[in-house]
Amino acid sequence: MSFRIFRVTTRSDFTLPADLQASPEQHRALLEAILAVSADLSLAETLKHIVTAAAQLANARYAALGVPDETGTTLAEFVTHGLTEAESARISHQPHGHGLLGLLLRDEHSLRLRDLTKHPRAVGFPPNHPPMRSFLGVPIRHKGRILGSLYLTDKLGADEFSALDQALIELLARHAGLAIENARLYAQEQQLRVIEERQRIGMDLHDGVIQSIYAVGLTLEYVDSVLADGDVAAGRERLRLAVEGLNNTIRDIRAYILDLRPRRFEGDELIAGLQQLLAEFKANTLIRVDFIAEPGAEEALGPEGRLALFHIAQEALSNAAKHSRAAHMAVSLRQENGQVSLTLRDDGRGFDPQIVERRVGHGLNNMQDRAQAAGGQISIDSPAGRGTEVKVLVPPAR
């Protein structure tokens, strides 16, 4: 499953009503605010960006963003701006969505007040809440649904928020709705990835490690029976096979650990990153590794190319650790016919890519996708019993 966000910003996204004129500084502030709310795919961080940008854009002392629960009648999340930690701690409870706040969760229209305390729906403030007067409330919508509401209070330098303030915040809210929806979709995709990975790990453990341990257990039971019959030679031979089986299982577990350990690589020093990756691979699999790298090859790549090659190497090494039964791995990074090549070759038993793909999930497809995204191509040669070669060619950065 892949998740991509596309956003085309047009001039109409910044159009204000004909009777309102914003200064160049206000237009620039609006653009900066829109860029800020779209800068993160974390939902929590997105909400913080939105409420901060709204306060700065409308010059409000306080701002908040309320997100309704599934019923749409009660606030599930309430993110604030302008209150210190000490002030927030003194307030007895967070708003529940009654009064004006609840009104905006159900009404698609903005609300601008000179004195919010005089509105008939006002219910007052909880104990230790700072006093507030001027008010601007704007719903955040996306595809006809209210995703939340922006609440701004206490306009700095004026007694109330202006019609221009309202128009600017409404434009911001339009983009905030898209940013919130994107963050939610991204969170859902991450959850699906976790579920898929758990299923893959469970299948691998069941088909590999658990079955191997079960086989060792049966072998030891047989050893016990033949020793009871006095056949020491047969018992020793079966015991040797059990020890060998346990060593293979330990190797498999190390391979899973190698595959699951997170690694940070930001596309900077590819050779150093590969050296660390290969050192971990060797330590966990006991496979001998030779690595040859041309510094000029790394220098020819841009960050995207380096990142693609690193992750392809990571995936290829993971597959080798699990399936190759190799004793030796040779890795090279070179310049070749105007392109940069990364080659990983082992002396293992080889595999049928289609069969392995069904067992390990999306690994081979991931390598193909990463190579194509970097403008390159990948080839996998794995004849049965003659090892595996993974070769990637990526064009240099322009």
Protein backbone atom coordinates (compact mmCIF):
# COMPACT_ATOMS: atom_id res chain seq x y z
CA MET A 1 0.00 0.00 0.00
CA SER A 2 1.38 3.41 -0.91
CA PHE A 3 0.25 6.81 0.27
CA ARG A 4 0.96 10.01 -1.56
CA ILE A 5 -0.31 13.53 -1.00
CA PHE A 6 -0.75 15.86 -3.90
CA ARG A 7 -1.63 19.50 -3.44
CA VAL A 8 -1.97 22.04 -6.23
CA THR A 9 -2.18 25.60 -4.95
CA THR A 10 -3.92 28.02 -7.28
CA ARG A 11 -4.46 31.74 -7.17
CA SER A 12 -8.09 31.16 -6.13
CA ASP A 13 -6.83 29.60 -2.89
CA PHE A 14 -5.75 33.09 -1.78
CA THR A 15 -8.74 35.08 -3.09
CA LEU A 16 -10.35 37.44 -0.58
CA PRO A 17 -13.81 38.99 -0.93
CA ALA A 18 -13.83 41.91 -3.38
CA ASP A 19 -14.55 44.50 -0.66
CA LEU A 20 -11.56 43.45 1.46
CA GLN A 21 -7.97 44.37 0.67
CA ALA A 22 -4.97 42.75 2.37
CA SER A 23 -1.53 44.30 2.45
CA PRO A 24 1.45 42.53 0.83
CA GLU A 25 2.63 41.69 4.35
CA GLN A 26 -0.70 40.04 5.15
CA HIS A 27 -0.63 38.05 1.91
CA ARG A 28 2.88 36.89 2.75
CA ALA A 29 1.80 36.00 6.28
CA LEU A 30 -1.11 33.97 4.87
CA LEU A 31 1.19 32.07 2.53
CA GLU A 32 3.63 31.36 5.36
CA ALA A 33 0.76 30.18 7.55
CA ILE A 34 -0.51 27.80 4.84
CA LEU A 35 2.98 26.41 4.33
CA ALA A 36 3.33 25.93 8.09
CA VAL A 37 0.13 23.91 8.48
CA SER A 38 1.18 21.63 5.61
CA ALA A 39 4.70 21.01 6.93
CA ASP A 40 4.03 17.86 8.95
CA LEU A 41 2.11 14.59 8.54
CA SER A 42 1.82 13.97 12.28
CA LEU A 43 -1.75 14.83 13.31
CA ALA A 44 -0.67 16.22 16.68
CA GLU A 45 1.98 18.44 15.10
CA THR A 46 -0.40 19.51 12.34
CA LEU A 47 -2.95 20.73 14.90
CA LYS A 48 -0.23 22.70 16.71
CA HIS A 49 0.91 24.30 13.45
CA ILE A 50 -2.64 25.31 12.57
CA VAL A 51 -3.48 26.96 15.88
CA THR A 52 -0.15 28.80 16.04
CA ALA A 53 -0.46 30.02 12.46
CA ALA A 54 -4.02 31.25 13.07
CA ALA A 55 -2.99 33.24 16.15
CA GLN A 56 -0.12 34.90 14.31
CA LEU A 57 -2.16 35.61 11.19
CA ALA A 58 -5.03 37.33 13.05
CA ASN A 59 -2.81 38.85 15.76
CA ALA A 60 -4.74 37.10 18.55
CA ARG A 61 -3.54 36.79 22.12
CA TYR A 62 -5.13 33.37 22.51
CA ALA A 63 -6.12 30.69 20.04
CA ALA A 64 -7.43 27.15 20.21
CA LEU A 65 -8.40 24.35 17.88
CA GLY A 66 -11.15 21.98 18.89
CA VAL A 67 -11.60 18.58 17.24
CA PRO A 68 -14.96 16.83 17.76
CA ASP A 69 -15.42 13.20 18.68
CA GLU A 70 -17.22 10.71 16.43
CA THR A 71 -20.62 12.07 17.46
CA GLY A 72 -19.63 15.60 16.45
CA THR A 73 -21.12 17.04 19.63
CA THR A 74 -18.24 16.88 22.12
CA LEU A 75 -14.63 18.00 21.91
CA ALA A 76 -12.21 15.07 21.74
CA GLU A 77 -9.08 17.22 21.39
CA PHE A 78 -8.39 20.83 22.34
CA VAL A 79 -5.08 22.41 21.34
CA THR A 80 -4.27 25.88 22.65
CA HIS A 81 -1.89 28.74 21.94
CA GLY A 82 -1.06 31.69 24.18
CA LEU A 83 -1.49 30.04 27.58
CA THR A 84 1.59 29.20 29.60
CA GLU A 85 1.95 25.73 31.09
CA ALA A 86 1.25 27.17 34.53
CA GLU A 87 -1.92 28.91 33.32
CA SER A 88 -3.14 25.75 31.63
CA ALA A 89 -2.46 23.70 34.76
CA ARG A 90 -4.56 26.05 36.93
CA ILE A 91 -7.67 25.67 34.75
CA SER A 92 -9.91 23.04 36.31
CA HIS A 93 -10.83 21.21 33.10
CA GLN A 94 -10.64 21.38 29.33
CA PRO A 95 -13.73 22.56 27.42
CA HIS A 96 -16.30 19.88 26.60
CA GLY A 97 -17.87 21.63 23.64
CA HIS A 98 -20.75 23.45 25.27
CA GLY A 99 -21.71 27.08 24.67
CA LEU A 100 -20.03 28.92 21.82
CA LEU A 101 -17.48 26.19 21.23
CA GLY A 102 -20.16 23.61 20.71
CA LEU A 103 -22.14 25.95 18.49
CA LEU A 104 -19.27 26.15 16.02
CA LEU A 105 -18.96 22.35 15.94
CA ARG A 106 -22.49 22.18 14.52
CA ASP A 107 -22.76 25.44 12.58
CA GLU A 108 -20.92 25.87 9.27
CA HIS A 109 -20.79 29.66 9.62
CA SER A 110 -18.04 31.74 11.21
CA LEU A 111 -18.80 33.81 14.28
CA ARG A 112 -17.20 37.18 15.10
CA LEU A 113 -18.03 38.96 18.38
CA ARG A 114 -16.87 42.12 20.09
CA ASP A 115 -17.68 40.61 23.51
CA LEU A 116 -18.17 36.87 23.69
CA THR A 117 -19.57 37.03 27.23
CA LYS A 118 -22.73 38.77 25.96
CA HIS A 119 -23.64 36.09 23.44
CA PRO A 120 -26.77 34.15 24.49
CA ARG A 121 -24.97 30.80 24.10
CA ALA A 122 -22.04 31.83 26.32
CA VAL A 123 -21.72 29.60 29.40
CA GLY A 124 -18.80 31.33 31.08
CA PHE A 125 -15.32 30.13 31.89
CA PRO A 126 -14.12 27.41 34.27
CA PRO A 127 -12.29 28.50 37.43
CA ASN A 128 -8.84 30.11 36.92
CA HIS A 129 -9.49 30.65 33.21
CA PRO A 130 -8.10 34.02 31.96
CA PRO A 131 -10.78 36.58 30.98
CA MET A 132 -11.44 36.92 27.24
CA ARG A 133 -13.54 39.39 25.24
CA SER A 134 -13.22 39.68 21.48
CA PHE A 135 -13.87 36.42 19.65
CA LEU A 136 -13.49 34.91 16.20
CA GLY A 137 -14.64 31.38 15.53
CA VAL A 138 -14.15 29.63 12.18
CA PRO A 139 -15.14 26.02 11.39
CA ILE A 140 -12.61 23.79 9.61
CA ARG A 141 -14.32 21.77 6.89
CA HIS A 142 -13.26 19.20 4.34
CA LYS A 143 -15.60 17.69 1.75
CA GLY A 144 -18.67 18.84 3.62
CA ARG A 145 -17.58 17.55 7.04
CA ILE A 146 -16.61 19.71 10.00
CA LEU A 147 -13.21 18.43 11.18
CA GLY A 148 -12.79 21.04 13.89
CA SER A 149 -13.07 24.70 14.73
CA LEU A 150 -10.62 27.53 15.25
CA TYR A 151 -11.28 29.83 18.20
CA LEU A 152 -9.39 33.11 18.49
CA THR A 153 -9.80 35.59 21.34
CA ASP A 154 -8.47 38.97 22.44
CA LYS A 155 -7.39 40.77 19.28
CA LEU A 156 -4.15 42.60 20.02
CA GLY A 157 -4.24 46.33 19.28
CA ALA A 158 -8.00 46.46 18.68
CA ASP A 159 -11.31 45.87 20.45
CA GLU A 160 -12.47 43.25 17.99
CA PHE A 161 -11.42 41.14 15.06
CA SER A 162 -12.04 42.65 11.64
CA ALA A 163 -13.81 41.28 8.58
CA LEU A 164 -10.37 40.94 6.99
CA ASP A 165 -9.19 38.84 9.95
CA GLN A 166 -12.18 36.58 9.43
CA ALA A 167 -11.54 36.24 5.69
CA LEU A 168 -7.86 35.41 6.26
CA ILE A 169 -8.64 32.78 8.90
CA GLU A 170 -11.33 31.27 6.66
CA LEU A 171 -8.74 30.88 3.89
CA LEU A 172 -6.35 29.30 6.38
CA ALA A 173 -9.11 26.97 7.61
CA ARG A 174 -9.68 25.76 4.05
CA HIS A 175 -6.09 24.54 3.89
CA ALA A 176 -6.16 23.35 7.50
CA GLY A 177 -9.00 20.96 6.63
CA LEU A 178 -6.90 19.39 3.90
CA ALA A 179 -3.86 19.19 6.20
CA ILE A 180 -5.87 17.46 8.95
CA GLU A 181 -7.36 14.98 6.49
CA ASN A 182 -3.91 14.22 5.06
CA ALA A 183 -2.50 13.67 8.55
CA ARG A 184 -5.36 11.33 9.42
CA LEU A 185 -4.94 9.32 6.21
CA TYR A 186 -1.21 9.08 6.85
CA ALA A 187 -1.84 7.83 10.40
CA GLN A 188 -4.27 5.21 9.07
CA GLU A 189 -1.72 4.06 6.51
CA GLN A 190 0.95 3.74 9.20
CA GLN A 191 -1.41 1.63 11.28
CA LEU A 192 -2.09 -0.63 8.29
CA ARG A 193 1.65 -0.98 7.72
CA VAL A 194 2.11 -2.07 11.35
CA ILE A 195 -0.67 -4.65 11.00
CA GLU A 196 0.78 -5.99 7.74
CA GLU A 197 4.26 -6.18 9.26
CA ARG A 198 2.96 -8.05 12.31
CA GLN A 199 1.21 -10.53 10.04
CA ARG A 200 4.39 -10.99 8.01
CA ILE A 201 6.51 -11.52 11.13
CA GLY A 202 3.97 -13.98 12.52
CA MET A 203 4.00 -15.96 9.27
CA ASP A 204 7.80 -15.96 9.11
CA LEU A 205 8.14 -17.08 12.72
CA HIS A 206 5.54 -19.80 12.29
CA ASP A 207 6.99 -21.12 9.03
CA GLY A 208 10.63 -20.74 10.07
CA VAL A 209 11.76 -20.42 13.67
CA ILE A 210 8.87 -22.20 15.38
CA GLN A 211 8.97 -25.13 12.97
CA SER A 212 12.75 -25.40 13.42
CA ILE A 213 12.46 -25.48 17.21
CA TYR A 214 9.71 -28.09 16.92
CA ALA A 215 11.97 -30.22 14.74
CA VAL A 216 14.81 -29.96 17.29
CA GLY A 217 12.42 -31.02 20.02
CA LEU A 218 11.44 -34.13 18.06
CA THR A 219 15.11 -34.93 17.46
CA LEU A 220 15.91 -34.71 21.18
CA GLU A 221 12.98 -36.99 21.97
CA TYR A 222 14.43 -39.52 19.51
CA VAL A 223 17.87 -39.15 21.16
CA ASP A 224 16.30 -40.01 24.49
CA SER A 225 14.68 -43.14 23.07
CA VAL A 226 17.82 -44.48 21.31
CA LEU A 227 19.97 -43.84 24.37
CA ALA A 228 17.45 -45.77 26.43
CA ASP A 229 17.99 -48.66 23.98
CA GLY A 230 21.75 -48.37 24.45
CA ASP A 231 22.51 -47.14 20.91
CA VAL A 232 25.04 -44.45 21.89
CA ALA A 233 26.40 -43.91 18.35
CA ALA A 234 22.97 -43.19 16.90
CA GLY A 235 22.21 -40.95 19.86
CA ARG A 236 25.37 -38.92 19.36
CA GLU A 237 24.63 -38.49 15.64
CA ARG A 238 21.09 -37.31 16.34
CA LEU A 239 22.38 -35.02 19.08
CA ARG A 240 24.82 -33.49 16.60
CA LEU A 241 21.91 -32.80 14.23
CA ALA A 242 19.94 -31.21 17.06
CA VAL A 243 22.84 -28.86 17.90
CA GLU A 244 23.15 -27.96 14.22
CA GLY A 245 19.42 -27.26 14.09
CA LEU A 246 19.65 -24.99 17.13
CA ASN A 247 22.55 -23.08 15.57
CA ASN A 248 20.50 -22.59 12.40
CA THR A 249 17.58 -21.35 14.48
CA ILE A 250 19.84 -18.88 16.31
CA ARG A 251 21.03 -17.63 12.92
CA ASP A 252 17.42 -17.17 11.78
CA ILE A 253 16.53 -15.24 14.93
CA ARG A 254 19.53 -12.98 14.41
CA ALA A 255 18.32 -12.38 10.86
CA TYR A 256 14.91 -11.30 12.13
CA ILE A 257 16.55 -8.96 14.64
CA LEU A 258 18.65 -7.46 11.85
CA ASP A 259 15.53 -6.92 9.73
CA LEU A 260 13.49 -5.35 12.53
CA ARG A 261 16.11 -2.99 13.97
CA PRO A 262 15.31 0.58 12.86
CA ARG A 263 18.07 2.51 11.11
CA ARG A 264 18.24 6.21 10.45
CA PHE A 265 19.79 7.28 7.19
CA GLU A 266 19.10 10.74 5.84
CA GLY A 267 20.79 10.39 2.46
CA ASP A 268 24.11 11.96 3.50
CA GLU A 269 27.17 9.63 3.75
CA LEU A 270 26.26 6.52 1.78
CA ILE A 271 29.58 4.67 2.14
CA ALA A 272 29.64 5.14 5.91
CA GLY A 273 26.00 4.07 6.11
CA LEU A 274 26.66 0.92 4.09
CA GLN A 275 29.71 0.08 6.20
CA GLN A 276 27.64 0.21 9.37
CA LEU A 277 24.85 -1.79 7.76
CA LEU A 278 27.26 -4.48 6.60
CA ALA A 279 28.98 -4.64 9.98
CA GLU A 280 25.64 -5.34 11.65
CA PHE A 281 24.80 -7.89 8.95
CA LYS A 282 28.08 -9.73 9.51
CA ALA A 283 27.75 -9.68 13.31
CA ASN A 284 24.22 -11.08 13.22
CA THR A 285 24.57 -13.65 10.45
CA LEU A 286 28.25 -14.64 10.68
CA ILE A 287 28.40 -14.31 6.88
CA ARG A 288 31.79 -13.04 5.64
CA VAL A 289 31.46 -9.69 3.86
CA ASP A 290 33.73 -7.88 1.37
CA PHE A 291 32.92 -4.26 0.52
CA ILE A 292 34.49 -2.16 -2.24
CA ALA A 293 33.39 1.46 -2.74
CA GLU A 294 34.55 4.21 -5.08
CA PRO A 295 34.29 7.63 -3.38
CA GLY A 296 33.46 9.18 -6.74
CA ALA A 297 30.34 7.01 -6.99
CA GLU A 298 28.93 8.43 -3.79
CA GLU A 299 29.83 11.98 -4.81
CA ALA A 300 27.96 11.55 -8.10
CA LEU A 301 24.68 10.81 -6.32
CA GLY A 302 22.13 13.21 -4.90
CA PRO A 303 20.36 12.62 -1.56
CA GLU A 304 17.49 10.71 -3.22
CA GLY A 305 19.84 8.35 -5.03
CA ARG A 306 21.90 7.67 -1.90
CA LEU A 307 18.76 7.05 0.14
CA ALA A 308 17.37 4.64 -2.48
CA LEU A 309 20.60 2.62 -2.66
CA PHE A 310 20.87 2.38 1.12
CA HIS A 311 17.34 1.06 1.56
CA ILE A 312 17.70 -1.36 -1.36
CA ALA A 313 20.88 -2.72 0.26
CA GLN A 314 19.03 -3.03 3.57
CA GLU A 315 16.22 -5.03 1.95
CA ALA A 316 18.60 -7.23 -0.04
CA LEU A 317 20.69 -8.03 3.05
CA SER A 318 17.55 -8.87 5.01
CA ASN A 319 16.49 -11.34 2.31
CA ALA A 320 19.98 -12.86 2.21
CA ALA A 321 20.04 -13.29 5.98
CA LYS A 322 16.74 -15.14 5.94
CA HIS A 323 16.95 -17.25 2.81
CA SER A 324 20.42 -17.49 1.25
CA ARG A 325 22.29 -19.85 3.63
CA ALA A 326 25.36 -18.08 2.21
CA ALA A 327 28.91 -18.07 3.61
CA HIS A 328 30.12 -15.00 1.72
CA MET A 329 28.65 -11.70 0.52
CA ALA A 330 30.43 -9.29 -1.87
CA VAL A 331 29.16 -5.71 -2.09
CA SER A 332 30.44 -3.02 -4.44
CA LEU A 333 29.59 0.62 -5.14
CA ARG A 334 31.02 1.86 -8.44
CA GLN A 335 30.59 4.20 -11.37
CA GLU A 336 29.60 2.27 -14.46
CA ASN A 337 28.89 3.67 -17.96
CA GLY A 338 27.87 7.06 -16.65
CA GLN A 339 25.71 5.61 -13.86
CA VAL A 340 26.26 4.53 -10.26
CA SER A 341 25.96 0.81 -9.60
CA LEU A 342 25.40 -1.03 -6.34
CA THR A 343 25.91 -4.79 -6.51
CA LEU A 344 25.29 -7.36 -3.76
CA ARG A 345 26.35 -10.93 -4.59
CA ASP A 346 26.23 -13.97 -2.28
CA ASP A 347 27.25 -17.62 -2.68
CA GLY A 348 24.06 -19.04 -1.21
CA ARG A 349 21.44 -21.42 -2.50
CA GLY A 350 19.56 -18.92 -4.67
CA PHE A 351 15.79 -18.61 -4.76
CA ASP A 352 12.74 -18.30 -6.95
CA PRO A 353 11.77 -14.59 -6.67
CA GLN A 354 8.06 -15.36 -7.07
CA ILE A 355 8.05 -17.91 -4.26
CA VAL A 356 10.06 -15.69 -1.92
CA GLU A 357 7.84 -12.71 -2.70
CA ARG A 358 4.79 -14.63 -1.57
CA ARG A 359 6.53 -15.51 1.71
CA VAL A 360 8.21 -12.24 2.71
CA GLY A 361 5.60 -9.77 1.55
CA HIS A 362 6.57 -6.65 -0.37
CA GLY A 363 10.37 -6.77 -0.11
CA LEU A 364 11.22 -7.31 -3.78
CA ASN A 365 8.54 -4.88 -4.90
CA ASN A 366 9.91 -2.29 -2.47
CA MET A 367 13.35 -2.58 -4.05
CA GLN A 368 11.86 -2.18 -7.54
CA ASP A 369 9.84 0.86 -6.43
CA ARG A 370 12.84 2.54 -4.77
CA ALA A 371 15.02 2.05 -7.83
CA GLN A 372 12.36 3.46 -10.17
CA ALA A 373 11.69 6.42 -7.85
CA ALA A 374 15.39 7.34 -8.12
CA GLY A 375 15.23 7.08 -11.92
CA GLY A 376 17.15 3.81 -11.95
CA GLN A 377 16.62 0.11 -12.54
CA ILE A 378 17.28 -3.10 -10.66
CA SER A 379 18.03 -6.66 -11.71
CA ILE A 380 17.91 -9.79 -9.57
CA ASP A 381 19.68 -12.94 -10.77
CA SER A 382 19.25 -15.98 -8.55
CA PRO A 383 19.74 -19.37 -10.22
CA ALA A 384 19.01 -22.27 -7.89
CA GLY A 385 22.12 -23.39 -6.01
CA ARG A 386 24.37 -20.68 -7.51
CA GLY A 387 23.82 -17.68 -5.27
CA THR A 388 22.03 -14.38 -5.78
CA GLU A 389 23.08 -11.10 -7.37
CA VAL A 390 21.15 -7.88 -6.82
CA LYS A 391 22.35 -5.02 -9.02
CA VAL A 392 21.02 -1.47 -9.05
CA LEU A 393 21.88 1.25 -11.55
CA VAL A 394 21.02 4.85 -10.64
CA PRO A 395 21.75 7.93 -12.74
CA PRO A 396 24.00 10.60 -11.22
CA ALA A 397 22.54 13.80 -9.83
CA ARG A 398 22.19 16.61 -12.33
